[in-house]
């Protein structure tokens, strides 16, 4: 009985020791498992941080690009507006120059056709007096009529040269 009891005690100690070893190994596996879970969680947190930082950098890049594109569009619109303004100024200058050239051409035609012919008539009248072929009174009357026509033509040319605003509103 004593040997059985010693054997049972040793058996109990061995079982207790084995149970302790088993429990210790079980706890160590749990600790390793928890450490692995912590490492996985830290990795996931690190990936989340990297992802958040990447999104933040991407957001800043998108905002920067959109601001730059907006400024570029504004500058492009301003440039187009300036080009349109310069085209309008060029068109106005071209119209003014064309108008002046047309007016000069008309003025030259009026002078040539009107005064040129009348001066030629006066010149012929004076030559006929010089040659003594024509009656002086008739030549004088014709020359007087031509001078009156020249005066009327000159008044018409001067009136046409007067600015239209002066004609509409008068000299104030």
Protein backbone atom coordinates (compact mmCIF):
# COMPACT_ATOMS: atom_id res chain seq x y z
CA UNK A 1 0.00 0.00 0.00
CA UNK A 2 2.88 2.29 0.82
CA UNK A 3 4.49 1.62 -2.54
CA UNK A 4 1.15 2.16 -4.25
CA UNK A 5 0.74 5.41 -2.47
CA UNK A 6 4.32 6.46 -3.41
CA UNK A 7 3.61 5.38 -6.92
CA UNK A 8 0.35 7.36 -6.92
CA UNK A 9 2.13 10.39 -5.49
CA UNK A 10 4.85 10.17 -8.13
CA UNK A 11 2.20 9.55 -10.71
CA UNK A 12 0.26 12.52 -9.41
CA UNK A 13 3.42 14.65 -9.46
CA UNK A 14 4.20 13.49 -12.98
CA UNK A 15 0.61 14.15 -14.06
CA UNK A 16 0.70 17.53 -12.35
CA UNK A 17 4.03 18.27 -14.00
CA UNK A 18 2.70 17.16 -17.38
CA UNK A 19 -0.45 19.21 -16.82
CA UNK A 20 1.71 22.20 -15.92
CA UNK A 21 3.86 21.67 -19.00
CA UNK A 22 0.71 21.28 -21.09
CA UNK A 23 -0.87 24.40 -19.60
CA UNK A 24 2.41 26.30 -20.05
CA UNK A 25 2.69 25.24 -23.69
CA UNK A 26 -0.95 26.11 -24.16
CA UNK A 27 -0.38 29.57 -22.64
CA UNK A 28 2.80 30.04 -24.70
CA UNK A 29 0.86 29.18 -27.88
CA UNK A 30 -1.84 31.64 -26.87
CA UNK A 31 0.84 34.28 -26.22
CA UNK A 32 2.46 33.55 -29.61
CA UNK A 33 -0.96 33.65 -31.25
CA UNK A 34 -1.75 36.96 -29.55
CA UNK A 35 1.67 38.33 -30.53
CA UNK A 36 1.04 37.24 -34.12
CA UNK A 37 -2.37 38.93 -33.96
CA UNK A 38 -0.73 42.09 -32.57
CA UNK A 39 1.85 42.02 -35.37
CA UNK A 40 -0.95 41.57 -37.93
CA UNK A 41 -2.93 44.40 -36.35
CA UNK A 42 0.16 46.65 -36.35
CA UNK A 43 0.76 45.74 -40.01
CA UNK A 44 -2.88 46.52 -40.80
CA UNK A 45 -2.60 49.82 -38.90
CA UNK A 46 0.61 50.62 -40.76
CA UNK A 47 -1.09 49.83 -44.09
CA UNK A 48 -4.07 51.98 -43.07
CA UNK A 49 -1.74 54.86 -42.17
CA UNK A 50 0.07 54.51 -45.49
CA UNK A 51 -3.28 54.35 -47.30
CA UNK A 52 -4.58 57.45 -45.48
CA UNK A 53 -1.35 59.35 -46.16
CA UNK A 54 -1.52 58.28 -49.81
CA UNK A 55 -5.12 59.46 -50.06
CA UNK A 56 -4.19 62.75 -48.42
CA UNK A 57 -1.29 63.26 -50.86
CA UNK A 58 -3.57 62.31 -53.75
CA UNK A 59 -6.20 64.78 -52.55
CA UNK A 60 -3.62 67.55 -52.29
CA UNK A 61 -2.32 66.68 -55.78
CA UNK A 62 -5.85 66.74 -57.22
CA UNK A 63 -6.59 70.08 -55.55
CA UNK A 64 -3.31 71.53 -56.79
CA UNK A 65 -3.94 70.30 -60.33
CA UNK A 66 -7.49 71.65 -60.30
CA UNK A 67 -6.31 75.05 -59.06
CA UNK A 68 -3.60 75.13 -61.74
CA UNK A 69 -6.07 74.11 -64.44
CA UNK A 70 -8.50 76.77 -63.29
CA UNK A 71 -5.80 79.43 -63.40
CA UNK A 72 -4.79 78.19 -66.83
CA UNK A 73 -8.38 78.44 -68.05
CA UNK A 74 -8.69 81.95 -66.62
CA UNK A 75 -5.45 83.01 -68.29
CA UNK A 76 -6.61 81.45 -71.54
CA UNK A 77 -9.91 83.35 -71.36
CA UNK A 78 -8.07 86.59 -70.61
CA UNK A 79 -5.74 85.97 -73.54
CA UNK A 80 -8.69 85.28 -75.84
CA UNK A 81 -10.36 88.45 -74.59
CA UNK A 82 -7.21 90.45 -75.28
CA UNK A 83 -6.97 88.93 -78.75
CA UNK A 84 -10.61 89.85 -79.41
CA UNK A 85 -10.00 93.39 -78.16
CA UNK A 86 -6.95 93.75 -80.39
CA UNK A 87 -8.93 92.38 -83.37
CA UNK A 88 -11.70 94.90 -82.65
CA UNK A 89 -9.16 97.74 -82.47
CA UNK A 90 -7.56 96.57 -85.71
CA UNK A 91 -10.98 96.41 -87.36
CA UNK A 92 -11.80 99.92 -86.14
CA UNK A 93 -8.47 101.24 -87.37
CA UNK A 94 -8.94 99.46 -90.70
CA UNK A 95 -12.45 100.90 -91.04
CA UNK A 96 -11.19 104.38 -90.20
CA UNK A 97 -8.36 104.12 -92.72
CA UNK A 98 -10.69 102.75 -95.41
CA UNK A 99 -13.18 105.51 -94.70
CA UNK A 100 -10.45 108.16 -94.93
CA UNK A 101 -9.13 106.70 -98.17
CA UNK A 102 -12.64 106.60 -99.67
CA UNK A 103 -13.25 110.18 -98.55
CA UNK A 104 -9.94 111.34 -100.07
CA UNK A 105 -10.72 109.51 -103.28
CA UNK A 106 -14.17 111.14 -103.46
CA UNK A 107 -12.67 114.53 -102.64
CA UNK A 108 -10.07 114.11 -105.41
CA UNK A 109 -12.81 113.09 -107.90
CA UNK A 110 -14.92 116.09 -106.92
CA UNK A 111 -12.01 118.45 -107.37
CA UNK A 112 -10.89 116.89 -110.64
CA UNK A 113 -14.30 116.46 -112.22
CA UNK A 114 -15.86 119.67 -110.94
CA UNK A 115 -13.14 122.27 -110.63
CA UNK A 116 -10.92 120.81 -113.33
CA UNK A 117 -13.60 121.15 -115.99
CA UNK A 118 -14.65 124.59 -114.83
CA UNK A 119 -11.08 125.86 -114.82
CA UNK A 120 -10.65 124.45 -118.33
CA UNK A 121 -13.79 126.34 -119.45
CA UNK A 122 -12.49 129.57 -117.89
CA UNK A 123 -9.13 129.00 -119.54
CA UNK A 124 -10.82 128.52 -122.94
CA UNK A 125 -12.90 131.66 -122.40
CA UNK A 126 -9.80 133.69 -121.55
CA UNK A 127 -7.95 132.33 -124.60
CA UNK A 128 -10.87 133.24 -126.83
CA UNK A 129 -10.66 136.81 -125.44
CA UNK A 130 -6.94 136.85 -126.06
CA UNK A 131 -7.39 135.79 -129.65
CA UNK A 132 -10.14 138.37 -130.05
CA UNK A 133 -12.56 135.98 -131.72
CA UNK A 134 -15.43 136.19 -129.22
CA UNK A 135 -17.62 138.97 -127.92
CA UNK A 136 -16.26 140.24 -124.62
CA UNK A 137 -19.64 140.58 -122.95
CA UNK A 138 -20.69 137.01 -123.86
CA UNK A 139 -17.35 135.63 -122.63
CA UNK A 140 -17.66 137.71 -119.46
CA UNK A 141 -21.20 136.40 -118.80
CA UNK A 142 -20.19 132.79 -119.45
CA UNK A 143 -17.10 133.20 -117.23
CA UNK A 144 -19.25 134.74 -114.50
CA UNK A 145 -21.64 131.76 -114.68
CA UNK A 146 -18.70 129.35 -114.50
CA UNK A 147 -17.31 131.22 -111.47
CA UNK A 148 -20.76 131.01 -109.80
CA UNK A 149 -20.88 127.26 -110.51
CA UNK A 150 -17.35 126.93 -109.08
CA UNK A 151 -18.46 128.76 -105.97
CA UNK A 152 -21.48 126.44 -105.56
CA UNK A 153 -19.27 123.38 -106.16
CA UNK A 154 -16.79 124.63 -103.56
CA UNK A 155 -19.61 125.13 -101.04
CA UNK A 156 -20.82 121.56 -101.69
CA UNK A 157 -17.33 120.13 -101.22
CA UNK A 158 -16.84 122.10 -97.98
CA UNK A 159 -20.23 120.95 -96.70
CA UNK A 160 -19.35 117.32 -97.47
CA UNK A 161 -16.05 117.69 -95.60
CA UNK A 162 -17.79 118.97 -92.49
CA UNK A 163 -18.01 116.33 -89.68
CA UNK A 164 -21.45 114.73 -89.37
CA UNK A 165 -21.61 115.41 -85.62
CA UNK A 166 -21.22 119.13 -86.34
CA UNK A 167 -24.05 118.90 -88.88
CA UNK A 168 -26.35 116.98 -86.49
CA UNK A 169 -25.73 118.88 -83.29
CA UNK A 170 -24.19 122.12 -84.47
CA UNK A 171 -21.28 123.96 -82.86
CA UNK A 172 -22.09 124.26 -79.15
